[in-house]
Amino acid sequence: QVQLVESGGGLVQAGGSLRLSCAASGLTFRAYAMGWFRQAPGKEREIVAAIARSGVSTYYADSVKGRFTVCRDNAKNTVFLQMISLKPEDTAVYYCAAAPNYGTVVAGAGTGINYWGKGTLVTVSS
């Protein structure tokens, strides 16, 4: 059974930092591109960042460029999202996602994603 388990969310003041982790099990992790999506209350889910299977290629939404960094440890089956300079508009539930194709994740529509985590809540206070 495939599981993606996010952790690291919480309440932080604007300007603060958080590091999200997503631990994967039940799949050949290195065979999957990984993504971080988020969904704020009343808004549609959106892609935040993506990383290719090897970790060489990464993608960031314009809203987080320069503030968020995605990386992965294929030996530990884990993908991370380091977030700095957080803003209240970053408040959302953050989801980890896995798909064989990097382009599928980057497309951001969420279709073609094989596996989703249950999410971790990030709240940024002003």
C-alpha atoms as a PDB file:
ATOM      1  CA  GLN A   1       0.000   0.000   0.000  1.00  0.00           C
ATOM      2  CA  VAL A   2       1.399   3.341  -1.068  1.00  0.00           C
ATOM      3  CA  GLN A   3       1.532   6.072   1.538  1.00  0.00           C
ATOM      4  CA  LEU A   4       2.674   9.656   1.370  1.00  0.00           C
ATOM      5  CA  VAL A   5       2.801  11.206   4.814  1.00  0.00           C
ATOM      6  CA  GLU A   6       3.397  14.915   5.211  1.00  0.00           C
ATOM      7  CA  SER A   7       4.721  16.524   8.359  1.00  0.00           C
ATOM      8  CA  GLY A   8       6.178  19.818   9.518  1.00  0.00           C
ATOM      9  CA  GLY A   9       3.185  22.091   9.202  1.00  0.00           C
ATOM     10  CA  GLY A  10       2.117  24.458  11.923  1.00  0.00           C
ATOM     11  CA  LEU A  11       1.521  28.039  12.966  1.00  0.00           C
ATOM     12  CA  VAL A  12       4.220  30.584  12.191  1.00  0.00           C
ATOM     13  CA  GLN A  13       4.411  34.351  12.102  1.00  0.00           C
ATOM     14  CA  ALA A  14       4.846  36.218   8.857  1.00  0.00           C
ATOM     15  CA  GLY A  15       8.501  36.233   7.898  1.00  0.00           C
ATOM     16  CA  GLY A  16       9.105  32.909   9.580  1.00  0.00           C
ATOM     17  CA  SER A  17      10.182  29.579   8.194  1.00  0.00           C
ATOM     18  CA  LEU A  18       8.954  26.013   8.082  1.00  0.00           C
ATOM     19  CA  ARG A  19      10.270  22.806   6.584  1.00  0.00           C
ATOM     20  CA  LEU A  20       7.766  20.296   5.316  1.00  0.00           C
ATOM     21  CA  SER A  21       8.617  16.651   4.825  1.00  0.00           C
ATOM     22  CA  CYS A  22       6.841  13.945   2.881  1.00  0.00           C
ATOM     23  CA  ALA A  23       7.805  10.373   3.657  1.00  0.00           C
ATOM     24  CA  ALA A  24       6.885   7.865   0.974  1.00  0.00           C
ATOM     25  CA  SER A  25       6.417   4.137   1.356  1.00  0.00           C
ATOM     26  CA  GLY A  26       5.107   1.303  -0.754  1.00  0.00           C
ATOM     27  CA  LEU A  27       6.464   2.639  -4.032  1.00  0.00           C
ATOM     28  CA  THR A  28       9.773   2.863  -5.855  1.00  0.00           C
ATOM     29  CA  PHE A  29      10.374   6.435  -4.790  1.00  0.00           C
ATOM     30  CA  ARG A  30      13.169   7.199  -7.245  1.00  0.00           C
ATOM     31  CA  ALA A  31      10.820   6.310 -10.120  1.00  0.00           C
ATOM     32  CA  TYR A  32       8.454   9.150  -9.295  1.00  0.00           C
ATOM     33  CA  ALA A  33       8.555  12.860  -9.767  1.00  0.00           C
ATOM     34  CA  MET A  34       7.254  14.589  -6.683  1.00  0.00           C
ATOM     35  CA  GLY A  35       5.264  17.725  -6.146  1.00  0.00           C
ATOM     36  CA  TRP A  36       3.951  19.973  -3.447  1.00  0.00           C
ATOM     37  CA  PHE A  37       0.491  21.400  -3.936  1.00  0.00           C
ATOM     38  CA  ARG A  38      -1.541  23.613  -1.643  1.00  0.00           C
ATOM     39  CA  GLN A  39      -5.151  24.540  -1.180  1.00  0.00           C
ATOM     40  CA  ALA A  40      -6.241  27.594   0.742  1.00  0.00           C
ATOM     41  CA  PRO A  41      -9.765  27.973   2.116  1.00  0.00           C
ATOM     42  CA  GLY A  42     -12.167  28.842  -0.662  1.00  0.00           C
ATOM     43  CA  LYS A  43      -9.528  28.494  -3.345  1.00  0.00           C
ATOM     44  CA  GLU A  44      -8.568  25.862  -5.855  1.00  0.00           C
ATOM     45  CA  ARG A  45      -5.625  23.581  -5.343  1.00  0.00           C
ATOM     46  CA  GLU A  46      -2.427  24.890  -6.929  1.00  0.00           C
ATOM     47  CA  ILE A  47       1.025  23.582  -7.643  1.00  0.00           C
ATOM     48  CA  VAL A  48       3.716  25.027  -5.412  1.00  0.00           C
ATOM     49  CA  ALA A  49       6.842  23.137  -6.411  1.00  0.00           C
ATOM     50  CA  ALA A  50       7.943  20.025  -8.251  1.00  0.00           C
ATOM     51  CA  ILE A  51      11.092  17.983  -8.467  1.00  0.00           C
ATOM     52  CA  ALA A  52      12.130  15.445 -11.046  1.00  0.00           C
ATOM     53  CA  ARG A  53      12.987  11.851 -10.219  1.00  0.00           C
ATOM     54  CA  SER A  54      16.707  12.529 -10.110  1.00  0.00           C
ATOM     55  CA  GLY A  55      16.293  15.823  -8.323  1.00  0.00           C
ATOM     56  CA  VAL A  56      18.135  17.685 -11.065  1.00  0.00           C
ATOM     57  CA  SER A  57      15.110  19.573 -12.357  1.00  0.00           C
ATOM     58  CA  THR A  58      12.844  21.666 -10.166  1.00  0.00           C
ATOM     59  CA  TYR A  59       9.864  23.921 -10.734  1.00  0.00           C
ATOM     60  CA  TYR A  60       8.341  26.661  -8.613  1.00  0.00           C
ATOM     61  CA  ALA A  61       5.167  28.645  -8.852  1.00  0.00           C
ATOM     62  CA  ASP A  62       5.846  32.341  -9.364  1.00  0.00           C
ATOM     63  CA  SER A  63       4.306  33.134  -5.993  1.00  0.00           C
ATOM     64  CA  VAL A  64       6.966  31.158  -4.112  1.00  0.00           C
ATOM     65  CA  LYS A  65      10.087  31.600  -6.232  1.00  0.00           C
ATOM     66  CA  GLY A  66      13.031  32.708  -4.153  1.00  0.00           C
ATOM     67  CA  ARG A  67      11.291  31.728  -0.912  1.00  0.00           C
ATOM     68  CA  PHE A  68      10.620  27.995  -1.232  1.00  0.00           C
ATOM     69  CA  THR A  69      13.084  25.234  -2.032  1.00  0.00           C
ATOM     70  CA  VAL A  70      12.184  21.662  -2.916  1.00  0.00           C
ATOM     71  CA  CYS A  71      14.629  18.802  -2.566  1.00  0.00           C
ATOM     72  CA  ARG A  72      14.541  15.054  -2.201  1.00  0.00           C
ATOM     73  CA  ASP A  73      16.511  12.267  -0.601  1.00  0.00           C
ATOM     74  CA  ASN A  74      15.984   9.141  -2.679  1.00  0.00           C
ATOM     75  CA  ALA A  75      17.872   7.043  -0.149  1.00  0.00           C
ATOM     76  CA  LYS A  76      15.344   8.009   2.518  1.00  0.00           C
ATOM     77  CA  ASN A  77      12.255   8.110   0.278  1.00  0.00           C
ATOM     78  CA  THR A  78      11.551  11.641   1.386  1.00  0.00           C
ATOM     79  CA  VAL A  79      10.858  14.955  -0.313  1.00  0.00           C
ATOM     80  CA  PHE A  80      11.171  18.272   1.472  1.00  0.00           C
ATOM     81  CA  LEU A  81       9.856  21.781   1.053  1.00  0.00           C
ATOM     82  CA  GLN A  82      11.853  24.465   2.803  1.00  0.00           C
ATOM     83  CA  MET A  83       9.807  27.622   3.165  1.00  0.00           C
ATOM     84  CA  ILE A  84      11.224  30.972   4.257  1.00  0.00           C
ATOM     85  CA  SER A  85       9.871  34.511   4.395  1.00  0.00           C
ATOM     86  CA  LEU A  86       6.392  33.108   4.827  1.00  0.00           C
ATOM     87  CA  LYS A  87       3.424  35.336   4.117  1.00  0.00           C
ATOM     88  CA  PRO A  88      -0.179  35.134   5.326  1.00  0.00           C
ATOM     89  CA  GLU A  89      -1.179  34.239   1.772  1.00  0.00           C
ATOM     90  CA  ASP A  90       0.888  31.058   2.087  1.00  0.00           C
ATOM     91  CA  THR A  91      -1.687  29.761   4.569  1.00  0.00           C
ATOM     92  CA  ALA A  92      -3.073  26.516   3.182  1.00  0.00           C
ATOM     93  CA  VAL A  93      -3.117  22.776   3.472  1.00  0.00           C
ATOM     94  CA  TYR A  94      -0.006  21.493   1.746  1.00  0.00           C
ATOM     95  CA  TYR A  95      -0.149  18.175  -0.077  1.00  0.00           C
ATOM     96  CA  CYS A  96       2.574  15.902  -1.337  1.00  0.00           C
ATOM     97  CA  ALA A  97       1.995  14.191  -4.677  1.00  0.00           C
ATOM     98  CA  ALA A  98       3.733  11.568  -6.793  1.00  0.00           C
ATOM     99  CA  ALA A  99       3.577  10.842 -10.502  1.00  0.00           C
ATOM    100  CA  PRO A 100       5.885   8.967 -12.872  1.00  0.00           C
ATOM    101  CA  ASN A 101       6.080  11.957 -15.220  1.00  0.00           C
ATOM    102  CA  TYR A 102       7.671  15.242 -14.137  1.00  0.00           C
ATOM    103  CA  GLY A 103       5.700  17.179 -16.714  1.00  0.00           C
ATOM    104  CA  THR A 104       2.483  15.866 -15.235  1.00  0.00           C
ATOM    105  CA  VAL A 105       3.366  17.287 -11.846  1.00  0.00           C
ATOM    106  CA  VAL A 106       4.574  20.607 -13.245  1.00  0.00           C
ATOM    107  CA  ALA A 107       1.375  21.014 -15.242  1.00  0.00           C
ATOM    108  CA  GLY A 108      -0.208  21.635 -11.895  1.00  0.00           C
ATOM    109  CA  ALA A 109      -3.667  20.471 -12.791  1.00  0.00           C
ATOM    110  CA  GLY A 110      -3.432  17.526 -10.482  1.00  0.00           C
ATOM    111  CA  THR A 111      -4.643  15.137 -13.148  1.00  0.00           C
ATOM    112  CA  GLY A 112      -2.367  12.204 -13.782  1.00  0.00           C
ATOM    113  CA  ILE A 113      -1.100  12.241 -10.208  1.00  0.00           C
ATOM    114  CA  ASN A 114      -0.855   8.668  -9.004  1.00  0.00           C
ATOM    115  CA  TYR A 115      -0.670   9.280  -5.284  1.00  0.00           C
ATOM    116  CA  TRP A 116      -1.565  12.042  -2.830  1.00  0.00           C
ATOM    117  CA  GLY A 117      -0.786  12.581   0.805  1.00  0.00           C
ATOM    118  CA  LYS A 118      -3.433  13.684   3.266  1.00  0.00           C
ATOM    119  CA  GLY A 119      -1.900  17.092   3.763  1.00  0.00           C
ATOM    120  CA  THR A 120      -0.404  19.225   6.496  1.00  0.00           C
ATOM    121  CA  LEU A 121      -1.766  22.607   7.529  1.00  0.00           C
ATOM    122  CA  VAL A 122       0.427  25.674   7.361  1.00  0.00           C
ATOM    123  CA  THR A 123      -0.923  28.809   8.991  1.00  0.00           C
ATOM    124  CA  VAL A 124       0.947  32.091   8.694  1.00  0.00           C
ATOM    125  CA  SER A 125      -0.208  34.856  10.993  1.00  0.00           C
ATOM    126  CA  SER A 126       0.250  38.527  10.201  1.00  0.00           C
END
